[in-house]
Amino acid sequence: MPYSFKESDLTSEKSLWDVYRLSSRIRSSKLQKLIIFATAALLSINSFYLEQNTSTLLKDAREWASFGFTFSITTLGFLIAGFTIFATLSKPKMMLAMMDHINKETKLPTLKYNFFAFMKVFIAYIALAFIYTCVVLFGQKDGFISNIIDLTPHSLCTKIITIKISYIFLGSSLIYLLLLLKTFIFNIYAIVMNSLRWEYHQP
């Protein structure tokens, strides 16, 4: 059957950055934003008002970074494996028909909209795993970050602020990863149901 798109449109993205740039059109739900904001607010209250001992905050931040790295890498392996199996079982004719349909909200082809939803999860897991790795490598006691801050003016104040912000970011990022996992599972369900609708209308 004739399609309205060019075959080059299927491979127009040449790098992971191109995929990320387009996937940013897919917005998070209001509930997801609210949960992340509430988490960041609670962690901010704890770090700036309730917990005065910055060494406790630093210890928690380092433990969260170590846990986050293990969690993100382990989960990412399962997600990619599951997505690969799903993608290979999908029907090419259905996917080409989805490419011919435009998603109204994002103005993306429905095929790329669905796949970008998965890619957005993968990219977020990879990016946060990289950040966690940097914290583990450079954020240890007398590590690179600590030594660099010691060379700056008002190093004690800078170090305290850095610890508190890191505590808030790392804690919130763990919740963000869990919410992305929830989104990934729902996307799998939604696309499977769409596949069944496609089969339902086939002669």
N, C-alpha and C. Protein backbone atom coordinates (compact mmCIF):
# COMPACT_ATOMS: atom_id res chain seq x y z
N MET A 1 0.85 -1.19 0.00
CA MET A 1 0.00 0.00 0.00
C MET A 1 0.88 1.24 0.00
N PRO A 2 0.44 2.35 -0.61
CA PRO A 2 1.25 3.57 -0.64
C PRO A 2 1.23 4.27 0.72
N TYR A 3 2.34 4.87 1.08
CA TYR A 3 2.44 5.60 2.34
C TYR A 3 2.73 7.07 2.05
N SER A 4 2.32 7.93 2.97
CA SER A 4 2.51 9.35 2.77
C SER A 4 3.89 9.83 3.24
N PHE A 5 4.63 8.98 3.92
CA PHE A 5 5.96 9.38 4.40
C PHE A 5 7.04 8.79 3.50
N LYS A 6 8.21 9.39 3.57
CA LYS A 6 9.36 8.90 2.82
C LYS A 6 10.06 7.80 3.62
N GLU A 7 10.69 6.89 2.94
CA GLU A 7 11.38 5.81 3.66
C GLU A 7 12.54 6.35 4.49
N SER A 8 13.11 7.50 4.09
CA SER A 8 14.20 8.10 4.85
C SER A 8 13.73 8.64 6.19
N ASP A 9 12.40 8.88 6.32
CA ASP A 9 11.86 9.37 7.60
C ASP A 9 12.01 8.33 8.70
N LEU A 10 12.06 7.07 8.32
CA LEU A 10 12.20 6.00 9.32
C LEU A 10 13.56 6.05 10.00
N THR A 11 14.57 6.52 9.29
CA THR A 11 15.94 6.53 9.83
C THR A 11 16.50 7.94 9.88
N SER A 12 15.63 8.92 10.11
CA SER A 12 16.07 10.32 10.11
C SER A 12 16.91 10.68 11.33
N GLU A 13 16.75 9.95 12.44
CA GLU A 13 17.55 10.22 13.65
C GLU A 13 18.89 9.51 13.52
N LYS A 14 19.96 10.27 13.67
CA LYS A 14 21.30 9.73 13.46
C LYS A 14 22.07 9.50 14.76
N SER A 15 21.54 9.92 15.86
CA SER A 15 22.23 9.74 17.14
C SER A 15 21.21 9.67 18.26
N LEU A 16 21.69 9.27 19.43
CA LEU A 16 20.81 9.20 20.60
C LEU A 16 20.34 10.60 21.00
N TRP A 17 21.17 11.62 20.71
CA TRP A 17 20.78 12.99 21.01
C TRP A 17 19.57 13.41 20.18
N ASP A 18 19.55 13.00 18.91
CA ASP A 18 18.40 13.30 18.05
C ASP A 18 17.13 12.67 18.61
N VAL A 19 17.26 11.45 19.08
CA VAL A 19 16.11 10.76 19.66
C VAL A 19 15.64 11.48 20.93
N TYR A 20 16.60 11.87 21.78
CA TYR A 20 16.25 12.57 23.02
C TYR A 20 15.57 13.90 22.73
N ARG A 21 16.10 14.62 21.76
CA ARG A 21 15.55 15.94 21.43
C ARG A 21 14.09 15.84 21.00
N LEU A 22 13.78 14.83 20.21
CA LEU A 22 12.39 14.66 19.76
C LEU A 22 11.51 14.05 20.86
N SER A 23 12.11 13.18 21.68
CA SER A 23 11.31 12.56 22.74
C SER A 23 10.93 13.55 23.83
N SER A 24 11.63 14.70 23.88
CA SER A 24 11.30 15.71 24.88
C SER A 24 9.92 16.33 24.62
N ARG A 25 9.37 16.11 23.44
CA ARG A 25 8.00 16.58 23.17
C ARG A 25 6.96 15.80 23.98
N ILE A 26 7.33 14.61 24.39
CA ILE A 26 6.42 13.78 25.20
C ILE A 26 6.50 14.25 26.64
N ARG A 27 5.45 14.84 27.12
CA ARG A 27 5.44 15.43 28.45
C ARG A 27 5.05 14.42 29.52
N SER A 28 5.59 14.62 30.70
CA SER A 28 5.22 13.78 31.84
C SER A 28 3.82 14.16 32.31
N SER A 29 3.16 13.21 32.95
CA SER A 29 1.82 13.48 33.45
C SER A 29 1.88 14.44 34.64
N LYS A 30 0.77 15.10 34.91
CA LYS A 30 0.71 16.04 36.03
C LYS A 30 0.95 15.33 37.36
N LEU A 31 0.44 14.11 37.48
CA LEU A 31 0.63 13.35 38.72
C LEU A 31 2.11 13.05 38.94
N GLN A 32 2.80 12.67 37.87
CA GLN A 32 4.23 12.38 37.99
C GLN A 32 5.01 13.62 38.41
N LYS A 33 4.69 14.76 37.81
CA LYS A 33 5.36 16.02 38.18
C LYS A 33 5.07 16.37 39.63
N LEU A 34 3.83 16.14 40.06
CA LEU A 34 3.44 16.46 41.43
C LEU A 34 4.20 15.60 42.44
N ILE A 35 4.34 14.30 42.14
CA ILE A 35 5.04 13.40 43.05
C ILE A 35 6.51 13.79 43.16
N ILE A 36 7.14 14.10 42.05
CA ILE A 36 8.56 14.49 42.07
C ILE A 36 8.73 15.82 42.81
N PHE A 37 7.84 16.77 42.56
CA PHE A 37 7.92 18.06 43.25
C PHE A 37 7.74 17.88 44.76
N ALA A 38 6.76 17.05 45.16
CA ALA A 38 6.52 16.82 46.58
C ALA A 38 7.72 16.15 47.23
N THR A 39 8.34 15.19 46.53
CA THR A 39 9.54 14.52 47.05
C THR A 39 10.67 15.51 47.25
N ALA A 40 10.90 16.35 46.23
CA ALA A 40 11.97 17.35 46.33
C ALA A 40 11.69 18.34 47.45
N ALA A 41 10.42 18.72 47.64
CA ALA A 41 10.06 19.66 48.70
C ALA A 41 10.31 19.06 50.08
N LEU A 42 9.93 17.81 50.27
CA LEU A 42 10.14 17.15 51.57
C LEU A 42 11.64 16.99 51.86
N LEU A 43 12.40 16.60 50.85
CA LEU A 43 13.84 16.46 51.04
C LEU A 43 14.50 17.81 51.31
N SER A 44 13.97 18.86 50.69
CA SER A 44 14.50 20.21 50.93
C SER A 44 14.24 20.65 52.37
N ILE A 45 13.04 20.37 52.85
CA ILE A 45 12.70 20.72 54.24
C ILE A 45 13.61 19.98 55.20
N ASN A 46 13.84 18.69 54.91
CA ASN A 46 14.68 17.90 55.80
C ASN A 46 16.14 18.38 55.78
N SER A 47 16.66 18.70 54.59
CA SER A 47 18.07 19.06 54.49
C SER A 47 18.37 20.47 54.97
N PHE A 48 17.43 21.40 54.77
CA PHE A 48 17.70 22.80 55.12
C PHE A 48 17.17 23.21 56.49
N TYR A 49 16.19 22.46 57.02
CA TYR A 49 15.57 22.89 58.28
C TYR A 49 15.61 21.85 59.39
N LEU A 50 15.44 20.58 59.06
CA LEU A 50 15.32 19.57 60.10
C LEU A 50 16.66 18.93 60.47
N GLU A 51 17.40 18.50 59.49
CA GLU A 51 18.68 17.83 59.73
C GLU A 51 19.83 18.83 59.63
N GLN A 52 20.44 19.11 60.77
CA GLN A 52 21.54 20.09 60.80
C GLN A 52 22.91 19.46 60.59
N ASN A 53 22.97 18.14 60.71
CA ASN A 53 24.24 17.44 60.55
C ASN A 53 24.46 17.10 59.07
N THR A 54 25.33 17.86 58.41
CA THR A 54 25.54 17.64 56.98
C THR A 54 26.25 16.31 56.69
N SER A 55 26.98 15.78 57.67
CA SER A 55 27.64 14.49 57.45
C SER A 55 26.62 13.37 57.26
N THR A 56 25.48 13.49 57.95
CA THR A 56 24.40 12.51 57.77
C THR A 56 23.81 12.60 56.37
N LEU A 57 23.60 13.84 55.91
CA LEU A 57 23.08 14.05 54.57
C LEU A 57 24.05 13.53 53.51
N LEU A 58 25.35 13.77 53.75
CA LEU A 58 26.37 13.31 52.80
C LEU A 58 26.41 11.79 52.75
N LYS A 59 26.30 11.16 53.91
CA LYS A 59 26.30 9.70 53.97
C LYS A 59 25.11 9.14 53.20
N ASP A 60 23.93 9.74 53.40
CA ASP A 60 22.73 9.28 52.69
C ASP A 60 22.88 9.48 51.18
N ALA A 61 23.40 10.63 50.78
CA ALA A 61 23.56 10.92 49.36
C ALA A 61 24.48 9.91 48.68
N ARG A 62 25.58 9.56 49.35
CA ARG A 62 26.52 8.58 48.78
C ARG A 62 25.88 7.21 48.69
N GLU A 63 25.12 6.83 49.71
CA GLU A 63 24.44 5.53 49.68
C GLU A 63 23.38 5.50 48.58
N TRP A 64 22.66 6.60 48.41
CA TRP A 64 21.64 6.66 47.37
C TRP A 64 22.27 6.57 45.99
N ALA A 65 23.41 7.22 45.81
CA ALA A 65 24.10 7.17 44.51
C ALA A 65 24.53 5.74 44.19
N SER A 66 25.07 5.04 45.19
CA SER A 66 25.50 3.66 44.99
C SER A 66 24.31 2.76 44.69
N PHE A 67 23.23 2.94 45.45
CA PHE A 67 22.02 2.15 45.20
C PHE A 67 21.42 2.49 43.85
N GLY A 68 21.38 3.78 43.51
CA GLY A 68 20.80 4.22 42.24
C GLY A 68 21.55 3.65 41.05
N PHE A 69 22.88 3.58 41.14
CA PHE A 69 23.66 3.02 40.04
C PHE A 69 23.31 1.54 39.85
N THR A 70 23.29 0.78 40.92
CA THR A 70 22.96 -0.64 40.84
C THR A 70 21.54 -0.85 40.31
N PHE A 71 20.61 -0.07 40.85
CA PHE A 71 19.21 -0.20 40.43
C PHE A 71 19.02 0.16 38.97
N SER A 72 19.61 1.28 38.54
CA SER A 72 19.40 1.74 37.16
C SER A 72 20.02 0.79 36.14
N ILE A 73 21.24 0.32 36.40
CA ILE A 73 21.90 -0.58 35.45
C ILE A 73 21.18 -1.92 35.39
N THR A 74 20.81 -2.46 36.55
CA THR A 74 20.11 -3.75 36.58
C THR A 74 18.76 -3.66 35.88
N THR A 75 17.99 -2.63 36.22
CA THR A 75 16.67 -2.46 35.62
C THR A 75 16.77 -2.20 34.13
N LEU A 76 17.76 -1.40 33.73
CA LEU A 76 17.93 -1.08 32.31
C LEU A 76 18.15 -2.35 31.48
N GLY A 77 18.90 -3.29 32.02
CA GLY A 77 19.12 -4.55 31.31
C GLY A 77 17.82 -5.29 31.05
N PHE A 78 16.97 -5.37 32.07
CA PHE A 78 15.68 -6.04 31.91
C PHE A 78 14.78 -5.28 30.93
N LEU A 79 14.78 -3.95 31.01
CA LEU A 79 13.92 -3.14 30.14
C LEU A 79 14.31 -3.32 28.68
N ILE A 80 15.60 -3.27 28.40
CA ILE A 80 16.07 -3.41 27.02
C ILE A 80 15.75 -4.80 26.49
N ALA A 81 15.95 -5.83 27.32
CA ALA A 81 15.65 -7.19 26.90
C ALA A 81 14.16 -7.34 26.58
N GLY A 82 13.31 -6.82 27.44
CA GLY A 82 11.88 -6.90 27.20
C GLY A 82 11.46 -6.12 25.97
N PHE A 83 12.03 -4.94 25.79
CA PHE A 83 11.69 -4.12 24.63
C PHE A 83 12.15 -4.78 23.33
N THR A 84 13.31 -5.41 23.36
CA THR A 84 13.83 -6.08 22.17
C THR A 84 12.91 -7.22 21.74
N ILE A 85 12.47 -8.01 22.71
CA ILE A 85 11.54 -9.11 22.39
C ILE A 85 10.24 -8.56 21.82
N PHE A 86 9.74 -7.51 22.44
CA PHE A 86 8.49 -6.90 21.98
C PHE A 86 8.62 -6.35 20.56
N ALA A 87 9.73 -5.64 20.29
CA ALA A 87 9.93 -5.00 18.99
C ALA A 87 10.05 -6.05 17.87
N THR A 88 10.72 -7.16 18.16
CA THR A 88 10.90 -8.19 17.13
C THR A 88 9.60 -8.94 16.84
N LEU A 89 8.68 -8.97 17.79
CA LEU A 89 7.41 -9.66 17.58
C LEU A 89 6.34 -8.78 16.95
N SER A 90 6.60 -7.46 16.91
CA SER A 90 5.61 -6.54 16.33
C SER A 90 5.54 -6.73 14.82
N LYS A 91 4.36 -6.53 14.27
CA LYS A 91 4.14 -6.74 12.85
C LYS A 91 4.60 -5.52 12.05
N PRO A 92 5.44 -5.72 11.03
CA PRO A 92 5.95 -4.58 10.23
C PRO A 92 4.84 -3.76 9.58
N LYS A 93 3.79 -4.41 9.07
CA LYS A 93 2.71 -3.67 8.42
C LYS A 93 2.01 -2.74 9.40
N MET A 94 1.81 -3.22 10.62
CA MET A 94 1.17 -2.38 11.63
C MET A 94 2.06 -1.18 11.96
N MET A 95 3.36 -1.41 12.09
CA MET A 95 4.27 -0.32 12.45
C MET A 95 4.37 0.70 11.32
N LEU A 96 4.34 0.25 10.06
CA LEU A 96 4.35 1.18 8.94
C LEU A 96 3.07 2.00 8.89
N ALA A 97 1.95 1.37 9.23
CA ALA A 97 0.69 2.11 9.30
C ALA A 97 0.73 3.15 10.42
N MET A 98 1.38 2.81 11.54
CA MET A 98 1.53 3.77 12.63
C MET A 98 2.43 4.93 12.21
N MET A 99 3.43 4.64 11.39
CA MET A 99 4.31 5.69 10.89
C MET A 99 3.54 6.66 9.99
N ASP A 100 2.50 6.18 9.37
CA ASP A 100 1.70 7.00 8.46
C ASP A 100 0.68 7.85 9.20
N HIS A 101 0.55 7.62 10.51
CA HIS A 101 -0.43 8.36 11.32
C HIS A 101 0.31 9.33 12.23
N ILE A 102 -0.19 10.56 12.35
CA ILE A 102 0.47 11.59 13.14
C ILE A 102 -0.21 11.74 14.50
N ASN A 103 0.58 11.74 15.56
CA ASN A 103 0.06 11.98 16.90
C ASN A 103 -0.27 13.47 17.03
N LYS A 104 -1.49 13.78 17.40
CA LYS A 104 -1.94 15.18 17.42
C LYS A 104 -1.22 16.02 18.47
N GLU A 105 -0.93 15.43 19.61
CA GLU A 105 -0.34 16.20 20.71
C GLU A 105 1.10 16.61 20.43
N THR A 106 1.89 15.69 19.91
CA THR A 106 3.32 15.94 19.72
C THR A 106 3.70 16.23 18.27
N LYS A 107 2.78 16.02 17.35
CA LYS A 107 3.04 16.18 15.91
C LYS A 107 4.10 15.20 15.40
N LEU A 108 4.28 14.11 16.12
CA LEU A 108 5.20 13.06 15.71
C LEU A 108 4.41 11.91 15.08
N PRO A 109 5.03 11.16 14.16
CA PRO A 109 4.37 9.93 13.70
C PRO A 109 4.08 9.02 14.89
N THR A 110 2.95 8.38 14.87
CA THR A 110 2.54 7.55 16.01
C THR A 110 3.57 6.46 16.30
N LEU A 111 4.18 5.92 15.28
CA LEU A 111 5.22 4.90 15.50
C LEU A 111 6.36 5.47 16.33
N LYS A 112 6.84 6.64 15.93
CA LYS A 112 7.96 7.23 16.66
C LYS A 112 7.52 7.74 18.02
N TYR A 113 6.28 8.19 18.12
CA TYR A 113 5.76 8.59 19.43
C TYR A 113 5.83 7.43 20.42
N ASN A 114 5.38 6.26 19.97
CA ASN A 114 5.39 5.08 20.84
C ASN A 114 6.82 4.64 21.17
N PHE A 115 7.68 4.63 20.17
CA PHE A 115 9.05 4.18 20.41
C PHE A 115 9.84 5.21 21.21
N PHE A 116 9.58 6.50 20.97
CA PHE A 116 10.26 7.53 21.75
C PHE A 116 9.88 7.46 23.22
N ALA A 117 8.66 7.02 23.50
CA ALA A 117 8.24 6.86 24.90
C ALA A 117 9.13 5.84 25.60
N PHE A 118 9.52 4.79 24.89
CA PHE A 118 10.45 3.80 25.44
C PHE A 118 11.87 4.37 25.50
N MET A 119 12.28 5.03 24.42
CA MET A 119 13.63 5.57 24.37
C MET A 119 13.87 6.61 25.46
N LYS A 120 12.83 7.38 25.77
CA LYS A 120 12.95 8.39 26.82
C LYS A 120 13.28 7.75 28.16
N VAL A 121 12.68 6.60 28.42
CA VAL A 121 12.97 5.86 29.65
C VAL A 121 14.41 5.36 29.65
N PHE A 122 14.83 4.77 28.53
CA PHE A 122 16.21 4.26 28.43
C PHE A 122 17.23 5.37 28.61
N ILE A 123 17.00 6.50 27.96
CA ILE A 123 17.94 7.62 28.03
C ILE A 123 18.03 8.16 29.45
N ALA A 124 16.88 8.27 30.12
CA ALA A 124 16.88 8.76 31.50
C ALA A 124 17.65 7.82 32.42
N TYR A 125 17.47 6.52 32.24
CA TYR A 125 18.20 5.55 33.07
C TYR A 125 19.70 5.63 32.81
N ILE A 126 20.09 5.78 31.53
CA ILE A 126 21.51 5.88 31.21
C ILE A 126 22.12 7.16 31.78
N ALA A 127 21.40 8.29 31.62
CA ALA A 127 21.91 9.58 32.11
C ALA A 127 22.07 9.57 33.62
N LEU A 128 21.07 9.06 34.33
CA LEU A 128 21.16 9.03 35.79
C LEU A 128 22.20 8.03 36.27
N ALA A 129 22.35 6.92 35.55
CA ALA A 129 23.41 5.97 35.91
C ALA A 129 24.78 6.63 35.78
N PHE A 130 24.94 7.47 34.75
CA PHE A 130 26.20 8.20 34.57
C PHE A 130 26.43 9.17 35.73
N ILE A 131 25.37 9.88 36.14
CA ILE A 131 25.49 10.81 37.27
C ILE A 131 25.83 10.07 38.54
N TYR A 132 25.16 8.94 38.79
CA TYR A 132 25.46 8.15 39.98
C TYR A 132 26.92 7.68 39.96
N THR A 133 27.40 7.29 38.79
CA THR A 133 28.80 6.85 38.67
C THR A 133 29.76 7.98 39.02
N CYS A 134 29.44 9.19 38.55
CA CYS A 134 30.29 10.34 38.86
C CYS A 134 30.32 10.62 40.35
N VAL A 135 29.16 10.47 41.00
CA VAL A 135 29.11 10.69 42.45
C VAL A 135 29.95 9.65 43.18
N VAL A 136 29.83 8.39 42.74
CA VAL A 136 30.60 7.31 43.37
C VAL A 136 32.10 7.52 43.17
N LEU A 137 32.50 7.94 41.97
CA LEU A 137 33.92 8.09 41.66
C LEU A 137 34.54 9.35 42.25
N PHE A 138 33.81 10.47 42.15
CA PHE A 138 34.40 11.76 42.50
C PHE A 138 33.86 12.37 43.79
N GLY A 139 32.81 11.75 44.36
CA GLY A 139 32.18 12.35 45.54
C GLY A 139 32.52 11.68 46.85
N GLN A 140 33.54 10.84 46.84
CA GLN A 140 33.94 10.17 48.09
C GLN A 140 34.70 11.11 49.02
N LYS A 141 34.95 10.64 50.22
CA LYS A 141 35.70 11.44 51.19
C LYS A 141 37.09 11.75 50.65
N ASP A 142 37.45 13.04 50.69
CA ASP A 142 38.72 13.52 50.13
C ASP A 142 38.85 13.19 48.65
N GLY A 143 37.70 13.11 47.97
CA GLY A 143 37.71 12.84 46.54
C GLY A 143 37.89 14.12 45.72
N PHE A 144 37.74 13.99 44.42
CA PHE A 144 37.99 15.10 43.50
C PHE A 144 37.10 16.30 43.80
N ILE A 145 35.79 16.07 43.96
CA ILE A 145 34.86 17.19 44.20
C ILE A 145 35.18 17.89 45.50
N SER A 146 35.44 17.13 46.55
CA SER A 146 35.77 17.71 47.85
C SER A 146 37.04 18.55 47.78
N ASN A 147 38.05 18.04 47.09
CA ASN A 147 39.32 18.76 46.99
C ASN A 147 39.19 20.02 46.16
N ILE A 148 38.37 19.96 45.10
CA ILE A 148 38.16 21.15 44.27
C ILE A 148 37.43 22.24 45.06
N ILE A 149 36.41 21.84 45.82
CA ILE A 149 35.65 22.82 46.61
C ILE A 149 36.55 23.47 47.66
N ASP A 150 37.48 22.69 48.23
CA ASP A 150 38.39 23.24 49.24
C ASP A 150 39.26 24.36 48.68
N LEU A 151 39.43 24.41 47.38
CA LEU A 151 40.27 25.43 46.75
C LEU A 151 39.49 26.72 46.46
N THR A 152 38.17 26.68 46.61
CA THR A 152 37.35 27.84 46.30
C THR A 152 37.16 28.73 47.53
N PRO A 153 36.88 30.03 47.32
CA PRO A 153 36.55 30.90 48.47
C PRO A 153 35.27 30.43 49.15
N HIS A 154 35.19 30.62 50.44
CA HIS A 154 34.03 30.20 51.23
C HIS A 154 33.74 28.71 51.00
N SER A 155 34.78 27.92 51.07
CA SER A 155 34.68 26.50 50.73
C SER A 155 33.70 25.75 51.65
N LEU A 156 33.66 26.11 52.93
CA LEU A 156 32.77 25.41 53.87
C LEU A 156 31.31 25.62 53.49
N CYS A 157 30.96 26.87 53.19
CA CYS A 157 29.57 27.17 52.79
C CYS A 157 29.23 26.49 51.47
N THR A 158 30.17 26.54 50.54
CA THR A 158 29.95 25.89 49.24
C THR A 158 29.76 24.40 49.40
N LYS A 159 30.54 23.80 50.28
CA LYS A 159 30.45 22.35 50.50
C LYS A 159 29.10 21.98 51.11
N ILE A 160 28.62 22.78 52.06
CA ILE A 160 27.33 22.50 52.70
C ILE A 160 26.19 22.59 51.69
N ILE A 161 26.21 23.65 50.87
CA ILE A 161 25.16 23.83 49.86
C ILE A 161 25.20 22.69 48.85
N THR A 162 26.41 22.30 48.44
CA THR A 162 26.56 21.21 47.47
C THR A 162 26.00 19.90 48.01
N ILE A 163 26.28 19.63 49.28
CA ILE A 163 25.78 18.40 49.91
C ILE A 163 24.25 18.40 49.96
N LYS A 164 23.67 19.53 50.36
CA LYS A 164 22.22 19.61 50.48
C LYS A 164 21.53 19.46 49.11
N ILE A 165 22.07 20.14 48.10
CA ILE A 165 21.48 20.04 46.76
C ILE A 165 21.63 18.62 46.21
N SER A 166 22.78 18.01 46.43
CA SER A 166 22.99 16.64 45.98
C SER A 166 22.04 15.68 46.67
N TYR A 167 21.82 15.89 47.95
CA TYR A 167 20.88 15.07 48.72
C TYR A 167 19.48 15.14 48.13
N ILE A 168 19.05 16.37 47.80
CA ILE A 168 17.71 16.57 47.23
C ILE A 168 17.62 15.95 45.83
N PHE A 169 18.63 16.20 45.00
CA PHE A 169 18.59 15.70 43.62
C PHE A 169 18.63 14.18 43.57
N LEU A 170 19.54 13.58 44.31
CA LEU A 170 19.69 12.13 44.26
C LEU A 170 18.45 11.42 44.80
N GLY A 171 17.88 11.95 45.89
CA GLY A 171 16.67 11.35 46.43
C GLY A 171 15.50 11.46 45.47
N SER A 172 15.34 12.63 44.85
CA SER A 172 14.25 12.83 43.90
C SER A 172 14.44 11.98 42.65
N SER A 173 15.69 11.80 42.24
CA SER A 173 15.95 11.02 41.02
C SER A 173 15.56 9.56 41.18
N LEU A 174 15.67 9.02 42.38
CA LEU A 174 15.27 7.64 42.62
C LEU A 174 13.75 7.48 42.44
N ILE A 175 13.00 8.46 42.93
CA ILE A 175 11.55 8.43 42.74
C ILE A 175 11.22 8.57 41.26
N TYR A 176 11.98 9.41 40.56
CA TYR A 176 11.77 9.61 39.13
C TYR A 176 11.99 8.31 38.36
N LEU A 177 13.01 7.55 38.73
CA LEU A 177 13.27 6.27 38.06
C LEU A 177 12.12 5.29 38.28
N LEU A 178 11.57 5.28 39.48
CA LEU A 178 10.44 4.39 39.77
C LEU A 178 9.21 4.78 38.95
N LEU A 179 8.98 6.09 38.82
CA LEU A 179 7.84 6.55 38.04
C LEU A 179 8.03 6.23 36.56
N LEU A 180 9.26 6.32 36.06
CA LEU A 180 9.53 5.95 34.68
C LEU A 180 9.27 4.47 34.45
N LEU A 181 9.60 3.66 35.45
CA LEU A 181 9.34 2.22 35.35
C LEU A 181 7.84 1.95 35.23
N LYS A 182 7.07 2.70 36.01
CA LYS A 182 5.61 2.58 35.92
C LYS A 182 5.12 2.96 34.51
N THR A 183 5.67 4.04 33.97
CA THR A 183 5.29 4.50 32.64
C THR A 183 5.66 3.46 31.58
N PHE A 184 6.83 2.86 31.73
CA PHE A 184 7.29 1.85 30.77
C PHE A 184 6.33 0.67 30.74
N ILE A 185 5.92 0.21 31.90
CA ILE A 185 5.01 -0.94 31.99
C ILE A 185 3.67 -0.61 31.33
N PHE A 186 3.16 0.59 31.58
CA PHE A 186 1.88 0.97 30.95
C PHE A 186 2.02 1.07 29.44
N ASN A 187 3.15 1.60 28.95
CA ASN A 187 3.36 1.72 27.51
C ASN A 187 3.36 0.35 26.84
N ILE A 188 3.96 -0.64 27.49
CA ILE A 188 3.94 -2.00 26.97
C ILE A 188 2.49 -2.49 26.85
N TYR A 189 1.73 -2.28 27.90
CA TYR A 189 0.32 -2.70 27.91
C TYR A 189 -0.44 -1.99 26.79
N ALA A 190 -0.26 -0.66 26.66
CA ALA A 190 -1.01 0.11 25.67
C ALA A 190 -0.70 -0.34 24.25
N ILE A 191 0.57 -0.60 23.96
CA ILE A 191 0.94 -0.98 22.60
C ILE A 191 0.45 -2.40 22.28
N VAL A 192 0.47 -3.28 23.27
CA VAL A 192 -0.08 -4.63 23.05
C VAL A 192 -1.57 -4.54 22.72
N MET A 193 -2.30 -3.69 23.44
CA MET A 193 -3.72 -3.52 23.16
C MET A 193 -3.95 -2.93 21.76
N ASN A 194 -3.08 -1.98 21.37
CA ASN A 194 -3.18 -1.41 20.02
C ASN A 194 -2.91 -2.47 18.95
N SER A 195 -1.97 -3.37 19.25
CA SER A 195 -1.69 -4.46 18.31
C SER A 195 -2.91 -5.36 18.13
N LEU A 196 -3.60 -5.62 19.23
CA LEU A 196 -4.80 -6.44 19.14
C LEU A 196 -5.93 -5.73 18.38
N ARG A 197 -6.02 -4.41 18.55
CA ARG A 197 -7.01 -3.65 17.78
C ARG A 197 -6.69 -3.72 16.29
N TRP A 198 -5.40 -3.67 15.97
CA TRP A 198 -4.99 -3.78 14.58
C TRP A 198 -5.42 -5.13 14.00
N GLU A 199 -5.18 -6.21 14.75
CA GLU A 199 -5.57 -7.54 14.29
C GLU A 199 -7.08 -7.68 14.18
N TYR A 200 -7.79 -6.99 15.06
CA TYR A 200 -9.25 -7.04 15.06
C TYR A 200 -9.83 -6.52 13.75
N HIS A 201 -9.19 -5.53 13.16
CA HIS A 201 -9.71 -4.90 11.95
C HIS A 201 -9.12 -5.50 10.66
N GLN A 202 -8.23 -6.46 10.82
CA GLN A 202 -7.66 -7.08 9.62
C GLN A 202 -8.62 -8.11 9.04
N PRO A 203 -8.71 -8.21 7.72
CA PRO A 203 -9.60 -9.21 7.12
C PRO A 203 -9.10 -10.62 7.39
